[in-house]
N, C-alpha and C. Protein backbone atom coordinates (compact mmCIF):
# COMPACT_ATOMS: atom_id res chain seq x y z
N MET A 1 14.51 -16.34 -0.90
CA MET A 1 13.74 -15.39 -1.69
C MET A 1 12.33 -15.18 -1.13
N LYS A 2 11.75 -16.24 -0.57
CA LYS A 2 10.40 -16.12 -0.04
C LYS A 2 10.37 -15.19 1.18
N ILE A 3 11.43 -15.23 2.00
CA ILE A 3 11.48 -14.34 3.17
C ILE A 3 11.60 -12.89 2.72
N LEU A 4 12.46 -12.64 1.74
CA LEU A 4 12.61 -11.28 1.20
C LEU A 4 11.31 -10.81 0.58
N SER A 5 10.63 -11.71 -0.11
CA SER A 5 9.34 -11.35 -0.70
C SER A 5 8.32 -11.00 0.38
N GLY A 6 8.30 -11.76 1.46
CA GLY A 6 7.38 -11.46 2.57
C GLY A 6 7.69 -10.12 3.22
N LEU A 7 8.98 -9.84 3.40
CA LEU A 7 9.35 -8.55 3.98
C LEU A 7 8.97 -7.39 3.06
N LEU A 8 9.20 -7.56 1.76
CA LEU A 8 8.80 -6.52 0.81
C LEU A 8 7.29 -6.33 0.82
N PHE A 9 6.54 -7.41 0.98
CA PHE A 9 5.08 -7.31 1.03
C PHE A 9 4.65 -6.52 2.26
N ILE A 10 5.26 -6.78 3.41
CA ILE A 10 4.92 -6.06 4.63
C ILE A 10 5.27 -4.58 4.50
N VAL A 11 6.44 -4.28 3.96
CA VAL A 11 6.84 -2.88 3.75
C VAL A 11 5.89 -2.20 2.76
N GLY A 12 5.53 -2.92 1.70
CA GLY A 12 4.58 -2.38 0.72
C GLY A 12 3.23 -2.09 1.34
N CYS A 13 2.75 -2.98 2.21
CA CYS A 13 1.47 -2.74 2.89
C CYS A 13 1.54 -1.50 3.77
N PHE A 14 2.65 -1.36 4.52
CA PHE A 14 2.79 -0.19 5.38
C PHE A 14 2.84 1.09 4.55
N LEU A 15 3.62 1.09 3.47
CA LEU A 15 3.71 2.29 2.64
C LEU A 15 2.38 2.61 1.97
N LEU A 16 1.65 1.57 1.57
CA LEU A 16 0.33 1.80 0.98
C LEU A 16 -0.62 2.42 2.00
N TYR A 17 -0.60 1.90 3.22
CA TYR A 17 -1.43 2.44 4.29
C TYR A 17 -1.06 3.88 4.60
N TYR A 18 0.23 4.13 4.76
CA TYR A 18 0.70 5.48 5.10
C TYR A 18 0.41 6.47 3.98
N GLY A 19 0.73 6.09 2.75
CA GLY A 19 0.52 6.99 1.62
C GLY A 19 -0.95 7.29 1.38
N ALA A 20 -1.79 6.26 1.45
CA ALA A 20 -3.22 6.48 1.24
C ALA A 20 -3.81 7.33 2.35
N THR A 21 -3.36 7.11 3.58
CA THR A 21 -3.86 7.92 4.69
C THR A 21 -3.47 9.38 4.52
N MET A 22 -2.23 9.63 4.17
CA MET A 22 -1.78 11.01 3.99
C MET A 22 -2.48 11.69 2.82
N LEU A 23 -2.76 10.94 1.77
CA LEU A 23 -3.43 11.53 0.61
C LEU A 23 -4.90 11.79 0.87
N LEU A 24 -5.57 10.85 1.51
CA LEU A 24 -7.03 10.91 1.56
C LEU A 24 -7.61 11.35 2.91
N LEU A 25 -6.94 11.06 4.01
CA LEU A 25 -7.58 11.25 5.30
C LEU A 25 -6.99 12.34 6.17
N VAL A 26 -5.79 12.80 5.88
CA VAL A 26 -5.19 13.83 6.72
C VAL A 26 -5.74 15.18 6.29
N PRO A 27 -6.52 15.82 7.15
CA PRO A 27 -7.09 17.11 6.75
C PRO A 27 -6.06 18.24 6.89
N GLY A 28 -6.15 19.15 5.99
CA GLY A 28 -5.34 20.35 6.07
C GLY A 28 -6.20 21.47 6.62
N TYR A 29 -5.73 22.65 6.50
CA TYR A 29 -6.54 23.78 6.93
C TYR A 29 -7.58 24.09 5.85
N PRO A 30 -8.69 24.74 6.21
CA PRO A 30 -9.72 25.05 5.22
C PRO A 30 -9.16 25.94 4.10
N GLY A 31 -9.44 25.56 2.89
CA GLY A 31 -8.96 26.31 1.75
C GLY A 31 -7.60 25.91 1.25
N GLU A 32 -7.01 24.88 1.87
CA GLU A 32 -5.70 24.41 1.44
C GLU A 32 -5.79 23.80 0.04
N THR A 33 -4.79 24.06 -0.79
CA THR A 33 -4.78 23.43 -2.10
C THR A 33 -4.47 21.95 -1.95
N TYR A 34 -5.10 21.15 -2.81
CA TYR A 34 -4.93 19.71 -2.69
C TYR A 34 -3.51 19.28 -3.04
N PHE A 35 -2.92 19.88 -4.06
CA PHE A 35 -1.60 19.47 -4.50
C PHE A 35 -0.52 20.33 -3.85
N SER A 36 -0.48 20.32 -2.53
CA SER A 36 0.58 21.03 -1.82
C SER A 36 1.82 20.14 -1.78
N SER A 37 2.96 20.74 -1.55
CA SER A 37 4.21 19.97 -1.57
C SER A 37 4.26 18.94 -0.45
N GLY A 38 3.73 19.27 0.72
CA GLY A 38 3.73 18.32 1.83
C GLY A 38 2.87 17.11 1.56
N ARG A 39 1.71 17.34 0.95
CA ARG A 39 0.82 16.22 0.64
C ARG A 39 1.44 15.30 -0.41
N ILE A 40 2.12 15.89 -1.39
CA ILE A 40 2.77 15.08 -2.42
C ILE A 40 3.93 14.30 -1.81
N ARG A 41 4.74 14.97 -1.02
CA ARG A 41 5.92 14.32 -0.44
C ARG A 41 5.53 13.21 0.52
N TYR A 42 4.57 13.45 1.39
CA TYR A 42 4.24 12.47 2.42
C TYR A 42 3.10 11.54 2.03
N GLY A 43 2.47 11.75 0.90
CA GLY A 43 1.38 10.89 0.49
C GLY A 43 1.62 10.18 -0.81
N PHE A 44 1.91 10.92 -1.85
CA PHE A 44 2.02 10.34 -3.18
C PHE A 44 3.29 9.52 -3.35
N VAL A 45 4.39 10.00 -2.81
CA VAL A 45 5.66 9.28 -2.94
C VAL A 45 5.61 7.93 -2.23
N PRO A 46 5.14 7.84 -0.96
CA PRO A 46 5.02 6.51 -0.35
C PRO A 46 4.03 5.61 -1.07
N PHE A 47 2.98 6.20 -1.62
CA PHE A 47 2.01 5.40 -2.37
C PHE A 47 2.66 4.76 -3.60
N LEU A 48 3.46 5.52 -4.34
CA LEU A 48 4.15 4.97 -5.50
C LEU A 48 5.21 3.95 -5.09
N LEU A 49 5.93 4.24 -4.00
CA LEU A 49 6.91 3.28 -3.52
C LEU A 49 6.26 1.97 -3.10
N SER A 50 5.04 2.06 -2.55
CA SER A 50 4.34 0.84 -2.14
C SER A 50 4.02 -0.03 -3.35
N LEU A 51 3.62 0.59 -4.44
CA LEU A 51 3.33 -0.19 -5.65
C LEU A 51 4.60 -0.88 -6.16
N GLY A 52 5.72 -0.19 -6.09
CA GLY A 52 6.99 -0.81 -6.49
C GLY A 52 7.37 -1.98 -5.58
N CYS A 53 7.20 -1.80 -4.27
CA CYS A 53 7.51 -2.87 -3.33
C CYS A 53 6.60 -4.07 -3.55
N LEU A 54 5.33 -3.82 -3.78
CA LEU A 54 4.39 -4.93 -3.99
C LEU A 54 4.66 -5.64 -5.31
N ALA A 55 5.02 -4.90 -6.33
CA ALA A 55 5.36 -5.54 -7.60
C ALA A 55 6.63 -6.38 -7.46
N ALA A 56 7.62 -5.87 -6.73
CA ALA A 56 8.85 -6.63 -6.50
C ALA A 56 8.56 -7.87 -5.66
N ALA A 57 7.69 -7.75 -4.66
CA ALA A 57 7.33 -8.91 -3.84
C ALA A 57 6.65 -9.98 -4.68
N GLY A 58 5.76 -9.57 -5.57
CA GLY A 58 5.11 -10.53 -6.45
C GLY A 58 6.08 -11.19 -7.40
N ARG A 59 7.03 -10.43 -7.91
CA ARG A 59 8.02 -11.00 -8.83
C ARG A 59 8.95 -11.97 -8.09
N LEU A 60 9.37 -11.61 -6.89
CA LEU A 60 10.24 -12.49 -6.12
C LEU A 60 9.53 -13.76 -5.66
N TRP A 61 8.24 -13.64 -5.39
CA TRP A 61 7.50 -14.78 -4.86
C TRP A 61 7.51 -15.96 -5.84
N ILE A 62 7.41 -15.67 -7.11
CA ILE A 62 7.40 -16.76 -8.08
C ILE A 62 8.64 -16.74 -8.96
N SER A 63 9.75 -16.28 -8.42
CA SER A 63 10.96 -16.17 -9.24
C SER A 63 11.40 -17.53 -9.76
N GLY A 64 11.01 -18.60 -9.13
CA GLY A 64 11.35 -19.93 -9.60
C GLY A 64 10.40 -20.43 -10.67
N GLY A 65 9.29 -19.74 -10.89
CA GLY A 65 8.30 -20.18 -11.85
C GLY A 65 8.69 -19.83 -13.28
N VAL A 66 7.95 -20.37 -14.23
CA VAL A 66 8.21 -20.14 -15.65
C VAL A 66 7.00 -19.46 -16.26
N GLY A 67 7.22 -18.49 -17.12
CA GLY A 67 6.12 -17.85 -17.83
C GLY A 67 5.84 -16.46 -17.33
N THR A 68 5.57 -15.56 -18.27
CA THR A 68 5.33 -14.17 -17.90
C THR A 68 3.92 -13.95 -17.40
N SER A 69 2.96 -14.76 -17.84
CA SER A 69 1.59 -14.55 -17.36
C SER A 69 1.48 -14.85 -15.88
N LYS A 70 2.23 -15.83 -15.40
CA LYS A 70 2.23 -16.13 -13.98
C LYS A 70 2.84 -14.98 -13.20
N ARG A 71 3.87 -14.37 -13.74
CA ARG A 71 4.50 -13.25 -13.04
C ARG A 71 3.57 -12.06 -12.95
N ARG A 72 2.87 -11.76 -14.03
CA ARG A 72 1.91 -10.66 -13.99
C ARG A 72 0.80 -10.96 -12.99
N MET A 73 0.33 -12.19 -12.98
CA MET A 73 -0.73 -12.56 -12.06
C MET A 73 -0.25 -12.45 -10.62
N SER A 74 0.98 -12.84 -10.36
CA SER A 74 1.50 -12.77 -9.00
C SER A 74 1.64 -11.33 -8.53
N MET A 75 2.12 -10.44 -9.40
CA MET A 75 2.23 -9.03 -9.01
C MET A 75 0.85 -8.44 -8.76
N ALA A 76 -0.11 -8.80 -9.59
CA ALA A 76 -1.48 -8.31 -9.40
C ALA A 76 -2.05 -8.83 -8.09
N TRP A 77 -1.80 -10.10 -7.76
CA TRP A 77 -2.29 -10.65 -6.50
C TRP A 77 -1.64 -9.98 -5.31
N ALA A 78 -0.34 -9.67 -5.40
CA ALA A 78 0.34 -8.99 -4.30
C ALA A 78 -0.28 -7.62 -4.05
N ILE A 79 -0.56 -6.89 -5.12
CA ILE A 79 -1.17 -5.56 -4.96
C ILE A 79 -2.59 -5.69 -4.43
N LEU A 80 -3.34 -6.67 -4.93
CA LEU A 80 -4.71 -6.88 -4.46
C LEU A 80 -4.74 -7.29 -2.99
N LEU A 81 -3.87 -8.20 -2.58
CA LEU A 81 -3.83 -8.62 -1.18
C LEU A 81 -3.43 -7.47 -0.27
N ALA A 82 -2.48 -6.64 -0.71
CA ALA A 82 -2.09 -5.48 0.10
C ALA A 82 -3.24 -4.50 0.24
N ALA A 83 -3.97 -4.27 -0.85
CA ALA A 83 -5.11 -3.36 -0.78
C ALA A 83 -6.17 -3.90 0.17
N MET A 84 -6.40 -5.22 0.15
CA MET A 84 -7.38 -5.80 1.07
C MET A 84 -6.90 -5.71 2.51
N ALA A 85 -5.59 -5.89 2.74
CA ALA A 85 -5.06 -5.77 4.09
C ALA A 85 -5.20 -4.34 4.61
N VAL A 86 -4.93 -3.37 3.76
CA VAL A 86 -5.06 -1.97 4.17
C VAL A 86 -6.53 -1.63 4.44
N MET A 87 -7.43 -2.11 3.60
CA MET A 87 -8.86 -1.86 3.84
C MET A 87 -9.32 -2.51 5.14
N ALA A 88 -8.79 -3.69 5.46
CA ALA A 88 -9.12 -4.34 6.73
C ALA A 88 -8.62 -3.49 7.90
N CYS A 89 -7.43 -2.92 7.78
CA CYS A 89 -6.91 -2.04 8.84
C CYS A 89 -7.78 -0.81 9.00
N TYR A 90 -8.20 -0.21 7.87
CA TYR A 90 -9.10 0.94 7.95
C TYR A 90 -10.42 0.54 8.61
N GLY A 91 -10.93 -0.63 8.29
CA GLY A 91 -12.17 -1.10 8.90
C GLY A 91 -12.05 -1.27 10.40
N VAL A 92 -10.94 -1.85 10.84
CA VAL A 92 -10.71 -2.01 12.28
C VAL A 92 -10.60 -0.65 12.96
N LEU A 93 -9.89 0.28 12.34
CA LEU A 93 -9.78 1.62 12.92
C LEU A 93 -11.13 2.32 13.00
N LEU A 94 -11.97 2.12 11.99
CA LEU A 94 -13.31 2.72 12.03
C LEU A 94 -14.16 2.10 13.13
N LEU A 95 -14.04 0.80 13.32
CA LEU A 95 -14.78 0.16 14.41
C LEU A 95 -14.32 0.66 15.76
N ILE A 96 -13.02 0.81 15.93
CA ILE A 96 -12.49 1.32 17.19
C ILE A 96 -12.95 2.75 17.43
N ALA A 97 -12.91 3.57 16.38
CA ALA A 97 -13.35 4.97 16.50
C ALA A 97 -14.84 5.04 16.80
N GLY A 98 -15.62 4.15 16.23
CA GLY A 98 -17.07 4.14 16.49
C GLY A 98 -17.38 3.75 17.93
N ARG A 99 -16.60 2.86 18.49
CA ARG A 99 -16.85 2.45 19.88
C ARG A 99 -16.41 3.54 20.87
N GLN A 100 -15.48 4.40 20.48
CA GLN A 100 -15.00 5.44 21.36
C GLN A 100 -15.99 6.58 21.51
N THR A 101 -16.89 6.76 20.54
CA THR A 101 -17.83 7.89 20.61
C THR A 101 -19.09 7.52 21.32
């Protein structure tokens, strides 16, 4: 179960990174509406799937534990750790982009 939880966490991190990038950083043409079908399909859907993967990873991680408060805390920690990992990736990309200019 721990291996499956780790794989779900990695997939969740990737989907969170991809979805957040498509929603927030991919520029469209000037005057493009924000809620276009492409932006929803390639940004919002992976973002929601990432939250599901991270919640499942948190639930699987402590599946042997007892108590619902621990399960909620584990899912929250999985989502928080994934968000920190994605922010670290964005930070590294910004540093690389800054050195290129």
